[in-house]
Amino acid sequence: MVFEDLGVLEELVARGDLEGIERLRGGRGQRVRYEPPYIRSALMLSAHRLKHLNRLDELEADIVILNLEDGVAPPLKPLALRLTGLFLAEAETIRSKTVVRINPLEEGGREEIAYLNEIRPDAIRVPKIETPADVEEALDLIDPSIAVHLSVETKEAWRHLADLRVDARVEACYLGVLDLLASMKLPQRIVHLHNPTMHAIMTRFLLECSVSGVLPISFVFQEYRDTEAFENWCLLERKMGYHAKGCVSPAQVEIANRIFLPSEEELEWARRVVELFESDPECSGFADEELGFVDEPIYKNAKNLLRMVRDRG
């Protein structure tokens, strides 16, 4: 737990005492950082719920998203923002990449960015973007030390998907499938494991993101109690080529982390690549009868796979 006793904070929250929360933070930014070598799970955390925030240092998700947008009532958003800052400053241990999901730029997001620039989370996730110009505006607002993640959830963003990575700071895109379908005026019933339109959406998202050099994170499955259905989605996504999934519960995180963990066959391939690449200090690439052509990016990918298993067990 970040705080052993939430009593003082509960009183401040009950009074809506933003200044009191700021005094506890004392001008501090995020205290510790962790860069996961391999991202499998991205857990959404409600930034206005103290008990959820207090588990920040216990979570096993590769990414933790402190959510200020959907699910936080408008009157509670300023409180959620200050609590985000406080818990990031107070946590002595974090085993996840920290991302803060702000509100749309024109709905308070600009002001939230100004506050978060002092906190310096690992990344800020910008929702409802539509064009590369929107991404450029966000990049101008966000401190250069902070990475940028994007929610792809409008038909306009879908149209410009291949062009949204206007800067190397844009690291990841999240498929906001329900909002995207609403924007396209398509029925939500197509979110089905065997629906061809859903497969087409997921395939294009995966390929466009991969070509652009950003991490594609698949959609959040809202029925958090139906772990069997969630697992089936993860198995399908792994088969398609995904290795990262949005989550809304620790149980979903456990499933995603397990399914997207590389197989023993993949790990043996990685060990062989690293062994051969590192056997020659001047190596920049080689051809092998079993492995095919191996260059530096393939070597780095193999190293990341092995490091992930070592760090995460």
Protein backbone atom coordinates (compact mmCIF):
# COMPACT_ATOMS: atom_id res chain seq x y z
CA MET A 1 0.00 0.00 0.00
CA VAL A 2 1.17 3.53 -0.74
CA PHE A 3 -0.36 4.89 2.49
CA GLU A 4 -0.67 2.65 5.53
CA ASP A 5 -3.54 4.78 6.83
CA LEU A 6 -5.94 6.61 4.50
CA GLY A 7 -7.73 8.41 7.30
CA VAL A 8 -6.32 11.89 6.68
CA LEU A 9 -6.81 11.59 2.95
CA GLU A 10 -10.38 10.36 3.34
CA GLU A 11 -11.17 13.48 5.37
CA LEU A 12 -9.58 15.74 2.74
CA VAL A 13 -11.49 13.99 -0.04
CA ALA A 14 -14.77 14.20 1.88
CA ARG A 15 -14.28 17.97 2.20
CA GLY A 16 -13.05 18.35 -1.36
CA ASP A 17 -9.94 20.02 0.06
CA LEU A 18 -7.69 20.31 -2.99
CA GLU A 19 -5.27 22.63 -1.20
CA GLY A 20 -4.88 20.12 1.61
CA ILE A 21 -4.01 17.39 -0.89
CA GLU A 22 -1.49 19.71 -2.52
CA ARG A 23 0.13 20.40 0.83
CA LEU A 24 0.61 16.68 1.32
CA ARG A 25 2.27 16.43 -2.08
CA GLY A 26 4.57 19.31 -1.21
CA GLY A 27 5.52 20.16 -4.78
CA ARG A 28 6.96 16.70 -5.47
CA GLY A 29 6.73 14.88 -8.79
CA GLN A 30 6.68 11.15 -9.50
CA ARG A 31 9.06 9.53 -7.04
CA VAL A 32 10.19 6.30 -8.70
CA ARG A 33 10.09 4.87 -12.21
CA TYR A 34 10.05 1.49 -13.84
CA GLU A 35 10.38 0.77 -17.56
CA PRO A 36 8.86 -2.62 -18.44
CA PRO A 37 10.94 -4.39 -21.06
CA TYR A 38 7.86 -6.01 -22.61
CA ILE A 39 4.30 -4.68 -22.38
CA ARG A 40 1.45 -7.16 -22.10
CA SER A 41 -1.16 -5.45 -19.90
CA ALA A 42 -2.41 -1.89 -19.49
CA LEU A 43 -4.63 -1.55 -16.41
CA MET A 44 -7.10 1.31 -16.09
CA LEU A 45 -7.22 2.74 -12.56
CA SER A 46 -9.89 5.19 -11.41
CA ALA A 47 -7.97 8.23 -10.21
CA HIS A 48 -10.72 9.38 -7.82
CA ARG A 49 -10.90 6.13 -5.85
CA LEU A 50 -8.51 6.09 -2.90
CA LYS A 51 -8.51 2.35 -2.37
CA HIS A 52 -7.62 1.74 -6.02
CA LEU A 53 -4.85 4.33 -5.96
CA ASN A 54 -3.46 2.94 -2.73
CA ARG A 55 -2.60 -0.31 -4.50
CA LEU A 56 -0.42 1.48 -7.05
CA ASP A 57 2.73 -0.08 -5.60
CA GLU A 58 1.29 -3.62 -5.65
CA LEU A 59 0.00 -3.90 -9.20
CA GLU A 60 1.42 -6.41 -11.69
CA ALA A 61 0.30 -4.57 -14.83
CA ASP A 62 3.05 -3.51 -17.20
CA ILE A 63 1.25 -0.18 -17.68
CA VAL A 64 -0.98 1.49 -15.10
CA ILE A 65 -3.30 4.17 -16.50
CA LEU A 66 -4.54 6.67 -13.94
CA ASN A 67 -7.82 7.67 -15.52
CA LEU A 68 -9.16 11.23 -15.34
CA GLU A 69 -11.59 10.89 -18.23
CA ASP A 70 -14.45 8.40 -18.63
CA GLY A 71 -15.79 7.09 -15.35
CA VAL A 72 -14.84 10.20 -13.37
CA ALA A 73 -17.78 12.58 -12.89
CA PRO A 74 -17.00 16.19 -13.92
CA PRO A 75 -17.15 17.57 -10.36
CA LEU A 76 -14.58 14.98 -9.25
CA LYS A 77 -12.02 15.56 -12.02
CA PRO A 78 -10.00 18.27 -10.19
CA LEU A 79 -9.86 15.98 -7.15
CA ALA A 80 -8.77 13.01 -9.27
CA LEU A 81 -6.00 15.11 -10.82
CA ARG A 82 -4.59 16.12 -7.40
CA LEU A 83 -4.84 12.57 -6.08
CA THR A 84 -2.95 11.36 -9.15
CA GLY A 85 -0.15 13.77 -8.38
CA LEU A 86 -0.06 12.84 -4.71
CA PHE A 87 0.06 9.07 -5.18
CA LEU A 88 2.70 9.26 -7.90
CA ALA A 89 4.81 11.44 -5.60
CA GLU A 90 4.29 9.23 -2.54
CA ALA A 91 4.73 5.70 -3.96
CA GLU A 92 8.13 4.30 -3.00
CA THR A 93 7.80 1.32 -5.35
CA ILE A 94 6.16 1.10 -8.76
CA ARG A 95 6.48 -1.94 -11.01
CA SER A 96 4.60 -0.41 -13.92
CA LYS A 97 4.95 2.31 -16.49
CA THR A 98 2.71 5.16 -15.31
CA VAL A 99 0.32 6.81 -17.77
CA VAL A 100 -2.23 9.49 -16.98
CA ARG A 101 -5.28 9.55 -19.23
CA ILE A 102 -6.39 13.16 -19.41
CA ASN A 103 -9.61 14.67 -20.70
CA PRO A 104 -9.89 15.97 -24.28
CA LEU A 105 -7.73 19.05 -24.80
CA GLU A 106 -10.74 21.35 -25.20
CA GLU A 107 -12.48 19.87 -22.13
CA GLY A 108 -9.84 20.56 -19.49
CA GLY A 109 -7.02 18.51 -20.95
CA ARG A 110 -4.76 21.50 -21.56
CA GLU A 111 -5.00 22.55 -17.92
CA GLU A 112 -4.42 18.97 -16.77
CA ILE A 113 -1.28 18.78 -18.89
CA ALA A 114 0.04 21.98 -17.30
CA TYR A 115 -0.38 20.39 -13.87
CA LEU A 116 1.05 17.01 -14.91
CA ASN A 117 4.15 18.58 -16.42
CA GLU A 118 5.23 19.21 -12.83
CA ILE A 119 4.36 15.65 -11.76
CA ARG A 120 6.14 14.07 -14.73
CA PRO A 121 4.38 10.73 -15.14
CA ASP A 122 6.03 8.39 -17.64
CA ALA A 123 3.40 9.20 -20.27
CA ILE A 124 0.22 11.17 -20.86
CA ARG A 125 -2.59 9.55 -22.83
CA VAL A 126 -4.52 12.00 -24.98
CA PRO A 127 -8.12 11.05 -25.90
CA LYS A 128 -10.39 12.08 -28.76
CA ILE A 129 -7.60 13.13 -31.07
CA GLU A 130 -8.65 13.40 -34.71
CA THR A 131 -5.72 14.58 -36.84
CA PRO A 132 -1.92 14.78 -36.78
CA ALA A 133 -2.36 18.49 -35.95
CA ASP A 134 -4.10 17.48 -32.70
CA VAL A 135 -1.12 15.28 -31.83
CA GLU A 136 1.28 18.12 -32.60
CA GLU A 137 -0.66 20.42 -30.26
CA ALA A 138 -0.47 17.85 -27.47
CA LEU A 139 3.26 17.43 -28.03
CA ASP A 140 3.75 21.18 -27.80
CA LEU A 141 1.89 21.26 -24.47
CA ILE A 142 3.45 18.18 -22.86
CA ASP A 143 6.91 18.43 -21.30
CA PRO A 144 9.54 16.86 -23.63
CA SER A 145 10.53 14.40 -20.89
CA ILE A 146 7.04 12.84 -20.92
CA ALA A 147 6.01 10.30 -23.57
CA VAL A 148 2.70 10.61 -25.40
CA HIS A 149 0.09 7.88 -25.80
CA LEU A 150 -3.00 8.27 -28.00
CA SER A 151 -6.55 6.96 -27.81
CA VAL A 152 -7.81 6.01 -31.27
CA GLU A 153 -11.56 6.33 -30.82
CA THR A 154 -12.89 8.68 -33.52
CA LYS A 155 -13.50 8.07 -37.22
CA GLU A 156 -11.20 11.00 -37.98
CA ALA A 157 -8.32 9.44 -36.03
CA TRP A 158 -9.05 6.17 -37.83
CA ARG A 159 -8.75 7.94 -41.17
CA HIS A 160 -5.36 9.40 -40.16
CA LEU A 161 -4.11 6.35 -38.25
CA ALA A 162 -0.96 5.90 -40.34
CA ASP A 163 0.06 9.53 -39.81
CA LEU A 164 -0.50 10.05 -36.08
CA ARG A 165 3.08 9.35 -35.03
CA VAL A 166 4.35 12.81 -35.84
CA ASP A 167 7.20 12.51 -33.32
CA ALA A 168 9.22 9.73 -31.68
CA ARG A 169 7.66 10.66 -28.31
CA VAL A 170 4.40 9.05 -29.50
CA GLU A 171 4.92 5.57 -28.06
CA ALA A 172 1.57 3.78 -28.03
CA CYS A 173 -1.96 3.84 -29.39
CA TYR A 174 -5.00 2.35 -27.64
CA LEU A 175 -7.94 0.97 -29.60
CA GLY A 176 -11.02 2.63 -28.07
CA VAL A 177 -13.35 0.34 -29.92
CA LEU A 178 -16.74 1.30 -28.44
CA ASP A 179 -16.26 5.03 -29.00
CA LEU A 180 -14.82 4.29 -32.43
CA LEU A 181 -17.86 2.25 -33.44
CA ALA A 182 -20.16 5.00 -32.16
CA SER A 183 -18.23 7.58 -34.18
CA MET A 184 -18.56 5.37 -37.27
CA LYS A 185 -22.25 4.72 -36.53
CA LEU A 186 -21.60 0.98 -36.39
CA PRO A 187 -23.44 -1.24 -33.88
CA GLN A 188 -21.62 -2.39 -30.76
CA ARG A 189 -22.91 -5.93 -31.35
CA ILE A 190 -20.04 -6.47 -33.79
CA VAL A 191 -17.68 -6.67 -30.78
CA HIS A 192 -17.80 -10.42 -31.00
CA LEU A 193 -14.98 -12.93 -31.06
CA HIS A 194 -15.90 -14.24 -34.51
CA ASN A 195 -17.15 -11.08 -36.21
CA PRO A 196 -15.27 -10.37 -39.49
CA THR A 197 -15.70 -6.60 -39.22
CA MET A 198 -14.18 -6.66 -35.75
CA HIS A 199 -11.29 -8.72 -37.08
CA ALA A 200 -10.78 -6.20 -39.88
CA ILE A 201 -10.67 -3.32 -37.40
CA MET A 202 -8.20 -5.12 -35.16
CA THR A 203 -6.00 -6.15 -38.10
CA ARG A 204 -5.78 -2.66 -39.55
CA PHE A 205 -5.07 -1.13 -36.14
CA LEU A 206 -2.29 -3.64 -35.48
CA LEU A 207 -0.64 -3.20 -38.88
CA GLU A 208 -0.88 0.58 -39.12
CA CYS A 209 0.53 1.04 -35.63
CA SER A 210 3.30 -1.45 -36.24
CA VAL A 211 4.33 0.19 -39.51
CA SER A 212 4.34 3.59 -37.76
CA GLY A 213 6.53 2.29 -34.95
CA VAL A 214 4.00 2.67 -32.10
CA LEU A 215 2.82 -0.03 -29.73
CA PRO A 216 -0.75 -1.16 -30.54
CA ILE A 217 -2.72 -1.86 -27.34
CA SER A 218 -5.93 -3.75 -27.95
CA PHE A 219 -9.30 -2.69 -26.62
CA VAL A 220 -10.63 -2.92 -23.08
CA PHE A 221 -13.11 -5.75 -22.54
CA GLN A 222 -15.68 -4.22 -20.20
CA GLU A 223 -17.29 -7.44 -18.92
CA TYR A 224 -14.64 -7.88 -16.26
CA ARG A 225 -16.45 -10.77 -14.54
CA ASP A 226 -16.42 -12.85 -17.74
CA THR A 227 -12.79 -13.94 -17.52
CA GLU A 228 -13.33 -16.82 -19.95
CA ALA A 229 -14.41 -14.45 -22.73
CA PHE A 230 -11.52 -12.12 -21.90
CA GLU A 231 -9.07 -15.00 -22.14
CA ASN A 232 -10.50 -16.00 -25.52
CA TRP A 233 -10.00 -12.45 -26.80
CA CYS A 234 -6.38 -12.52 -25.58
CA LEU A 235 -5.77 -15.85 -27.32
CA LEU A 236 -7.16 -14.47 -30.57
CA GLU A 237 -5.11 -11.29 -30.27
CA ARG A 238 -1.92 -13.23 -29.58
CA LYS A 239 -2.59 -15.30 -32.70
CA MET A 240 -3.09 -12.08 -34.70
CA GLY A 241 0.22 -10.64 -33.49
CA TYR A 242 -0.76 -8.41 -30.56
CA HIS A 243 1.11 -8.60 -27.28
CA ALA A 244 -0.63 -5.86 -25.26
CA LYS A 245 -4.21 -5.63 -23.99
CA GLY A 246 -6.22 -3.03 -22.10
CA CYS A 247 -7.49 -4.29 -18.74
CA VAL A 248 -9.99 -3.11 -16.12
CA SER A 249 -9.23 -5.54 -13.28
CA PRO A 250 -6.28 -7.36 -11.68
CA ALA A 251 -7.85 -10.66 -12.81
CA GLN A 252 -7.67 -9.48 -16.43
CA VAL A 253 -4.06 -8.39 -15.88
CA GLU A 254 -3.14 -11.89 -14.69
CA ILE A 255 -4.69 -13.44 -17.80
CA ALA A 256 -3.09 -10.97 -20.22
CA ASN A 257 0.33 -11.33 -18.59
CA ARG A 258 0.12 -15.10 -18.84
CA ILE A 259 -1.16 -15.35 -22.40
CA PHE A 260 1.15 -12.73 -23.88
CA LEU A 261 4.18 -14.24 -22.15
CA PRO A 262 6.49 -15.64 -24.85
CA SER A 263 6.40 -19.41 -25.33
CA GLU A 264 9.36 -21.65 -24.53
CA GLU A 265 9.96 -21.98 -28.28
CA GLU A 266 10.15 -18.20 -28.63
CA LEU A 267 12.49 -17.98 -25.65
CA GLU A 268 14.81 -20.63 -27.07
CA TRP A 269 14.89 -18.67 -30.34
CA ALA A 270 15.76 -15.52 -28.38
CA ARG A 271 18.54 -17.25 -26.45
CA ARG A 272 20.08 -18.53 -29.69
CA VAL A 273 19.88 -15.11 -31.38
CA VAL A 274 21.55 -13.38 -28.42
CA GLU A 275 24.22 -16.05 -28.10
CA LEU A 276 25.24 -15.86 -31.77
CA PHE A 277 24.98 -12.07 -32.02
CA GLU A 278 27.11 -11.50 -28.93
CA SER A 279 29.73 -14.07 -29.93
CA ASP A 280 31.19 -11.46 -32.30
CA PRO A 281 31.76 -8.01 -30.70
CA GLU A 282 31.71 -6.37 -34.14
CA CYS A 283 28.57 -8.14 -35.33
CA SER A 284 25.91 -6.02 -37.04
CA GLY A 285 24.01 -8.92 -38.55
CA PHE A 286 24.36 -12.50 -39.73
CA ALA A 287 22.56 -15.24 -41.64
CA ASP A 288 21.87 -18.57 -39.97
CA GLU A 289 20.42 -21.72 -41.51
CA GLU A 290 17.82 -22.08 -38.74
CA LEU A 291 17.31 -18.48 -37.65
CA GLY A 292 17.44 -16.78 -41.04
CA PHE A 293 18.84 -13.26 -41.27
CA VAL A 294 19.38 -11.61 -37.89
CA ASP A 295 20.17 -7.89 -37.60
CA GLU A 296 20.38 -5.51 -34.64
CA PRO A 297 16.60 -4.83 -34.27
CA ILE A 298 15.95 -8.58 -34.15
CA TYR A 299 18.76 -8.97 -31.60
CA LYS A 300 17.26 -6.18 -29.44
CA ASN A 301 13.84 -7.83 -29.60
CA ALA A 302 15.35 -11.11 -28.46
CA LYS A 303 17.13 -9.37 -25.57
CA ASN A 304 13.88 -7.72 -24.48
CA LEU A 305 12.07 -11.06 -24.46
CA LEU A 306 14.71 -12.62 -22.22
CA ARG A 307 14.87 -9.59 -19.94
CA MET A 308 11.09 -9.57 -19.53
CA VAL A 309 11.06 -13.19 -18.39
CA ARG A 310 13.95 -12.57 -16.01
CA ASP A 311 12.37 -9.46 -14.47
CA ARG A 312 8.78 -10.70 -14.31
CA GLY A 313 9.32 -14.39 -13.69
